[in-house]
Every structure is written in C-alpha cells, then in structure tokens.
Amino acid sequence: MAKIINVQEAIELIPNAASIMFGGFMGCGSAHKIIDALSKSDKRDFTMISNDASMPGGPLGEDYYGVAKLVHNKQFKKIIASHVGLNPEVAAQVNEKEVELTLIPQGSLVEMIRAGGAGLGGVITPTGLGTIVEEGWHVHSQIEIDGKKYLVEKSLRADVAILSGYKVDKAGNIWYKGTSRNFNVAMATAADLVIVEADNLVEVGEIENENIVTPGVFVDYIVVGGAN
C-alpha cells in the first residue's frame, strides 16, 4: 500500500542527478505542489522526461508554471521532451550549452515510456525517418518489414516519476480528471519510484473500480495537494 507523506519528505526521496518523469501537458495534470517544493530545494542536475517544458506565466498569474520553475532555476542537465517552444528559456540554455536537449515526436515518446513500463526493449515506428530524429541517441537501428522501413526506438525508464491525480485513494489507486491523465498513465509504470500528488485524497472504495486508471500497485508514495 502506498505511504502518505508530506511534500518535503517527497523531495528528500529525490536524489541529485536523478532522471525524473513529470506527468502533465503544458502544466495540465502536473504535480504543482511537488514541483514548486523541488524548485525551492538545492537539488539539481536532473534529467527531465516530459511532454514539454511548460511556459513562463501560468493561468493564475504565476511567473513560471509547472516544470518551467525548474527550467528557470537551471536544475536540469538534460531535457527529453516533445516540444519546448513555449518556454524560451530552454533555447537560451541550449545555446549557452547549459542543458542538453533531445526532442522526440510526441507519439514516439509516450510509446517509448510505455515500452519501458512493459519491460520491452523498444518500439518500432516510421515517424522520423529521413529526418534528424533518426540521428538521435534514442534510435537503436533501422529495420525493414514487408518492404517498409522503420526506426527502432529504445524504451525509456526513469529513477522517479512525479504524477498528479484528481482522486487518489489511500491505497494509491488513481482517477484522472479529463485530459489531465495524459502522460501520467504511462509514466506510472516506467519509474523505480512513483510519487503521486493527490488533488483529493479519498478512502479506499470511494473510486469505483472501473474508474481506476492507475492501480495503486504502481504507486509508492502519495502527497496530499490541491483541494485537501
């Protein structure tokens, strides 16, 4: 059963230089309380695996939204994402050689994470053929099946996954609201340590069985945030 901890205890579990998967899509479905606490810590040299790098300026007037706080503090040594164009600080840091950036097509990225969670070696996709994508470290090789060429992309795992769930019960079972599930679902399976921030912490049984998207067996720790 997942253990309920406070946000500072969660930060203590994350070592310097860890590879971290962050759920969310431009901050939607991100664990904002945990990210904010991590941004105020002295920990750094992380590898970020995320859909994006969020953006300066949030919907409530925040200076930096979601993982953009960590980008601003230069806490990443490497970023693996689908797009970073709405956060100009990433380009500036890449140009100054302060961070290493790998861009992977969004569908390929989530499938690489899913494969990592399933114990597979990689995925096969035609996406990126004939482009700079095929030059990346994440491409293992090219193969041909029935006369069609594909890239073999390596699977992805991380040391830590930081997720957000709208309803999380005390056993760690997660229900995501709307599109906030995004990358959270795949990432829950693909990290050695999984921490979920619960917008609403509820008793076991309060989430209908058919609405549980991430079973609690994948979750190590719960941090209460959001509405509670």
Protein backbone atom coordinates (compact mmCIF):
# COMPACT_ATOMS: atom_id res chain seq x y z
CA MET A 1 0.00 0.00 0.00
CA ALA A 2 1.25 3.50 -0.86
CA LYS A 3 2.55 5.59 2.02
CA ILE A 4 1.17 9.08 2.61
CA ILE A 5 3.95 11.61 3.12
CA ASN A 6 4.29 15.38 3.13
CA VAL A 7 5.83 17.32 0.29
CA GLN A 8 9.19 17.85 1.99
CA GLU A 9 9.51 14.13 2.63
CA ALA A 10 8.86 13.60 -1.06
CA ILE A 11 11.65 16.00 -2.01
CA GLU A 12 14.05 14.15 0.29
CA LEU A 13 13.38 10.96 -1.66
CA ILE A 14 14.60 12.51 -4.92
CA PRO A 15 18.39 12.40 -5.28
CA ASN A 16 20.54 14.87 -7.16
CA ALA A 17 21.11 13.91 -10.79
CA ALA A 18 18.01 11.67 -10.85
CA SER A 19 16.14 11.04 -14.07
CA ILE A 20 12.57 12.23 -13.46
CA MET A 21 9.40 11.73 -15.45
CA PHE A 22 6.92 14.57 -14.97
CA GLY A 23 3.30 13.94 -15.89
CA GLY A 24 1.37 16.78 -17.47
CA PHE A 25 0.78 18.63 -20.69
CA MET A 26 1.72 22.32 -20.52
CA GLY A 27 1.04 22.09 -16.79
CA CYS A 28 -2.33 20.34 -17.09
CA GLY A 29 -2.06 17.21 -14.99
CA SER A 30 1.23 18.25 -13.37
CA ALA A 31 2.06 17.85 -9.68
CA HIS A 32 2.37 21.58 -8.98
CA LYS A 33 2.88 21.33 -5.22
CA ILE A 34 5.76 18.86 -5.53
CA ILE A 35 7.32 20.76 -8.44
CA ASP A 36 7.16 24.02 -6.51
CA ALA A 37 8.88 22.44 -3.50
CA LEU A 38 11.54 20.88 -5.72
CA SER A 39 12.19 24.28 -7.30
CA LYS A 40 12.86 25.70 -3.82
CA SER A 41 15.32 22.95 -2.95
CA ASP A 42 19.03 22.89 -3.69
CA LYS A 43 18.74 19.70 -5.74
CA ARG A 44 19.74 19.76 -9.38
CA ASP A 45 21.47 18.10 -12.36
CA PHE A 46 18.25 16.23 -13.16
CA THR A 47 17.29 14.61 -16.43
CA MET A 48 13.71 15.62 -17.21
CA ILE A 49 11.47 13.34 -19.25
CA SER A 50 8.26 15.19 -20.02
CA ASN A 51 5.95 16.08 -22.85
CA ASP A 52 7.12 19.70 -22.71
CA ALA A 53 8.90 22.35 -20.63
CA SER A 54 5.68 24.24 -19.80
CA MET A 55 5.86 28.03 -20.06
CA PRO A 56 6.65 31.24 -18.25
CA GLY A 57 3.37 32.64 -16.97
CA GLY A 58 0.56 30.47 -15.67
CA PRO A 59 -3.24 30.81 -15.72
CA LEU A 60 -3.31 32.41 -12.26
CA GLY A 61 -0.56 34.91 -12.99
CA GLU A 62 2.35 32.71 -11.90
CA ASP A 63 5.77 33.85 -13.09
CA TYR A 64 6.69 30.29 -14.05
CA TYR A 65 4.23 27.44 -14.47
CA GLY A 66 4.90 23.80 -13.59
CA VAL A 67 8.28 22.46 -14.68
CA ALA A 68 9.16 25.91 -16.07
CA LYS A 69 10.16 26.76 -12.48
CA LEU A 70 12.82 24.07 -12.60
CA VAL A 71 13.97 25.18 -16.05
CA HIS A 72 14.27 28.76 -14.80
CA ASN A 73 16.41 27.61 -11.87
CA LYS A 74 18.64 25.62 -14.22
CA GLN A 75 18.03 22.42 -12.27
CA PHE A 76 18.14 20.23 -15.40
CA LYS A 77 21.27 19.00 -17.11
CA LYS A 78 19.25 17.17 -19.75
CA ILE A 79 15.72 17.54 -21.13
CA ILE A 80 13.90 14.86 -23.12
CA ALA A 81 10.60 16.18 -24.46
CA SER A 82 8.29 16.54 -27.45
CA HIS A 83 8.31 20.31 -27.66
CA VAL A 84 9.76 23.22 -25.72
CA GLY A 85 8.84 26.13 -27.97
CA LEU A 86 6.60 27.90 -25.47
CA ASN A 87 9.45 28.20 -22.98
CA PRO A 88 12.16 30.42 -24.49
CA GLU A 89 14.48 29.77 -21.55
CA VAL A 90 15.13 26.26 -22.86
CA ALA A 91 16.50 27.58 -26.16
CA ALA A 92 18.65 30.11 -24.30
CA GLN A 93 20.12 27.41 -22.06
CA VAL A 94 20.74 25.09 -25.01
CA ASN A 95 22.56 27.89 -26.84
CA GLU A 96 24.71 28.52 -23.77
CA LYS A 97 25.37 24.76 -23.50
CA GLU A 98 23.83 24.73 -20.03
CA VAL A 99 21.42 21.92 -20.85
CA GLU A 100 21.31 19.05 -23.34
CA LEU A 101 18.04 18.83 -25.25
CA THR A 102 16.57 15.81 -27.04
CA LEU A 103 13.32 16.29 -28.93
CA ILE A 104 11.30 13.16 -29.69
CA PRO A 105 7.98 13.09 -31.58
CA GLN A 106 5.15 13.01 -29.06
CA GLY A 107 3.66 9.68 -30.07
CA SER A 108 7.07 8.03 -30.13
CA LEU A 109 7.94 9.47 -26.71
CA VAL A 110 4.88 8.12 -24.95
CA GLU A 111 5.26 4.74 -26.64
CA MET A 112 8.92 4.57 -25.54
CA ILE A 113 7.77 5.23 -21.97
CA ARG A 114 5.00 2.65 -22.27
CA ALA A 115 7.53 0.13 -23.57
CA GLY A 116 9.82 0.89 -20.64
CA GLY A 117 6.97 0.21 -18.25
CA ALA A 118 6.11 -3.05 -20.01
CA GLY A 119 9.68 -4.34 -19.90
CA LEU A 120 10.11 -4.11 -23.68
CA GLY A 121 13.34 -3.13 -25.37
CA GLY A 122 11.82 -0.51 -27.64
CA VAL A 123 9.18 0.38 -30.20
CA ILE A 124 9.03 0.29 -33.98
CA THR A 125 7.80 3.38 -35.83
CA PRO A 126 8.18 5.07 -39.23
CA THR A 127 7.95 8.50 -37.58
CA GLY A 128 11.20 10.44 -38.03
CA LEU A 129 12.58 8.50 -40.98
CA GLY A 130 14.64 10.76 -43.21
CA THR A 131 14.86 13.49 -40.56
CA ILE A 132 17.29 14.43 -37.80
CA VAL A 133 15.24 12.24 -35.46
CA GLU A 134 16.97 9.15 -36.82
CA GLU A 135 20.33 10.58 -35.72
CA GLY A 136 19.35 10.66 -32.03
CA TRP A 137 20.84 8.52 -29.27
CA HIS A 138 17.38 7.07 -28.66
CA VAL A 139 17.28 5.37 -32.09
CA HIS A 140 18.74 1.89 -31.90
CA SER A 141 18.60 1.00 -35.58
CA GLN A 142 16.54 0.84 -38.75
CA ILE A 143 14.70 -2.26 -39.89
CA GLU A 144 12.56 -3.23 -42.85
CA ILE A 145 9.30 -5.16 -42.55
CA ASP A 146 7.36 -6.20 -45.65
CA GLY A 147 9.27 -3.66 -47.73
CA LYS A 148 8.65 -0.73 -45.38
CA LYS A 149 11.38 0.92 -43.28
CA TYR A 150 11.03 1.68 -39.59
CA LEU A 151 13.08 3.14 -36.76
CA VAL A 152 13.66 1.04 -33.66
CA GLU A 153 13.39 3.47 -30.73
CA LYS A 154 14.78 2.48 -27.34
CA SER A 155 12.40 2.23 -24.41
CA LEU A 156 12.55 4.81 -21.62
CA ARG A 157 12.54 4.43 -17.85
CA ALA A 158 13.37 6.86 -15.06
CA ASP A 159 14.53 6.85 -11.47
CA VAL A 160 11.46 8.81 -10.35
CA ALA A 161 8.01 9.60 -11.74
CA ILE A 162 6.11 12.60 -10.34
CA LEU A 163 2.42 12.33 -11.15
CA SER A 164 -0.84 14.10 -10.38
CA GLY A 165 -4.26 12.56 -9.84
CA TYR A 166 -7.63 14.24 -9.29
CA LYS A 167 -8.79 11.50 -6.91
CA VAL A 168 -6.32 9.18 -5.20
CA ASP A 169 -7.37 6.70 -2.54
CA LYS A 170 -5.24 5.71 0.41
CA ALA A 171 -4.06 2.58 -1.41
CA GLY A 172 -2.66 4.74 -4.23
CA ASN A 173 -5.33 3.98 -6.83
CA ILE A 174 -5.67 6.98 -9.18
CA TRP A 175 -8.54 8.53 -11.12
CA TYR A 176 -7.57 11.33 -13.50
CA LYS A 177 -9.99 14.08 -14.48
CA GLY A 178 -10.45 14.61 -18.21
CA THR A 179 -7.32 15.18 -20.25
CA SER A 180 -5.17 15.54 -17.13
CA ARG A 181 -4.38 11.83 -17.41
CA ASN A 182 -2.11 12.49 -20.48
CA PHE A 183 1.42 11.16 -19.83
CA ASN A 184 0.72 10.29 -16.19
CA VAL A 185 -0.68 6.86 -17.04
CA ALA A 186 2.35 5.56 -18.94
CA MET A 187 4.85 7.18 -16.58
CA ALA A 188 3.31 5.45 -13.56
CA THR A 189 4.62 2.14 -14.91
CA ALA A 190 8.07 3.25 -16.02
CA ALA A 191 9.94 4.52 -12.95
CA ASP A 192 11.63 2.90 -9.98
CA LEU A 193 10.00 5.36 -7.55
CA VAL A 194 6.49 6.74 -8.19
CA ILE A 195 5.11 9.70 -6.24
CA VAL A 196 1.59 10.97 -6.89
CA GLU A 197 0.18 14.30 -5.79
CA ALA A 198 -3.50 13.90 -4.91
CA ASP A 199 -5.85 16.77 -5.62
CA ASN A 200 -8.35 14.88 -3.46
CA LEU A 201 -7.33 12.07 -1.12
CA VAL A 202 -10.21 9.66 -0.54
CA GLU A 203 -10.86 6.41 1.28
CA VAL A 204 -10.36 3.06 -0.41
CA GLY A 205 -13.58 2.18 -2.20
CA GLU A 206 -14.59 5.78 -2.97
CA ILE A 207 -13.26 5.44 -6.52
CA GLU A 208 -15.39 2.99 -8.49
CA ASN A 209 -13.32 0.02 -9.62
CA GLU A 210 -13.99 0.72 -13.29
CA ASN A 211 -12.74 4.31 -12.87
CA ILE A 212 -9.32 3.36 -11.51
CA VAL A 213 -6.87 4.16 -14.29
CA THR A 214 -3.59 3.65 -12.43
CA PRO A 215 -3.73 0.81 -9.87
CA GLY A 216 -2.12 1.53 -6.53
CA VAL A 217 0.40 -1.27 -7.03
CA PHE A 218 2.37 1.16 -9.23
CA VAL A 219 2.40 3.97 -6.63
CA ASP A 220 4.95 4.19 -3.83
CA TYR A 221 4.04 7.47 -2.14
CA ILE A 222 1.15 9.93 -2.01
CA VAL A 223 1.45 13.65 -1.31
CA VAL A 224 -1.75 15.48 -0.48
CA GLY A 225 -2.16 18.62 -2.56
CA GLY A 226 -4.83 20.50 -4.43
CA ALA A 227 -8.21 20.55 -2.75
CA ASN A 228 -7.14 18.89 0.52
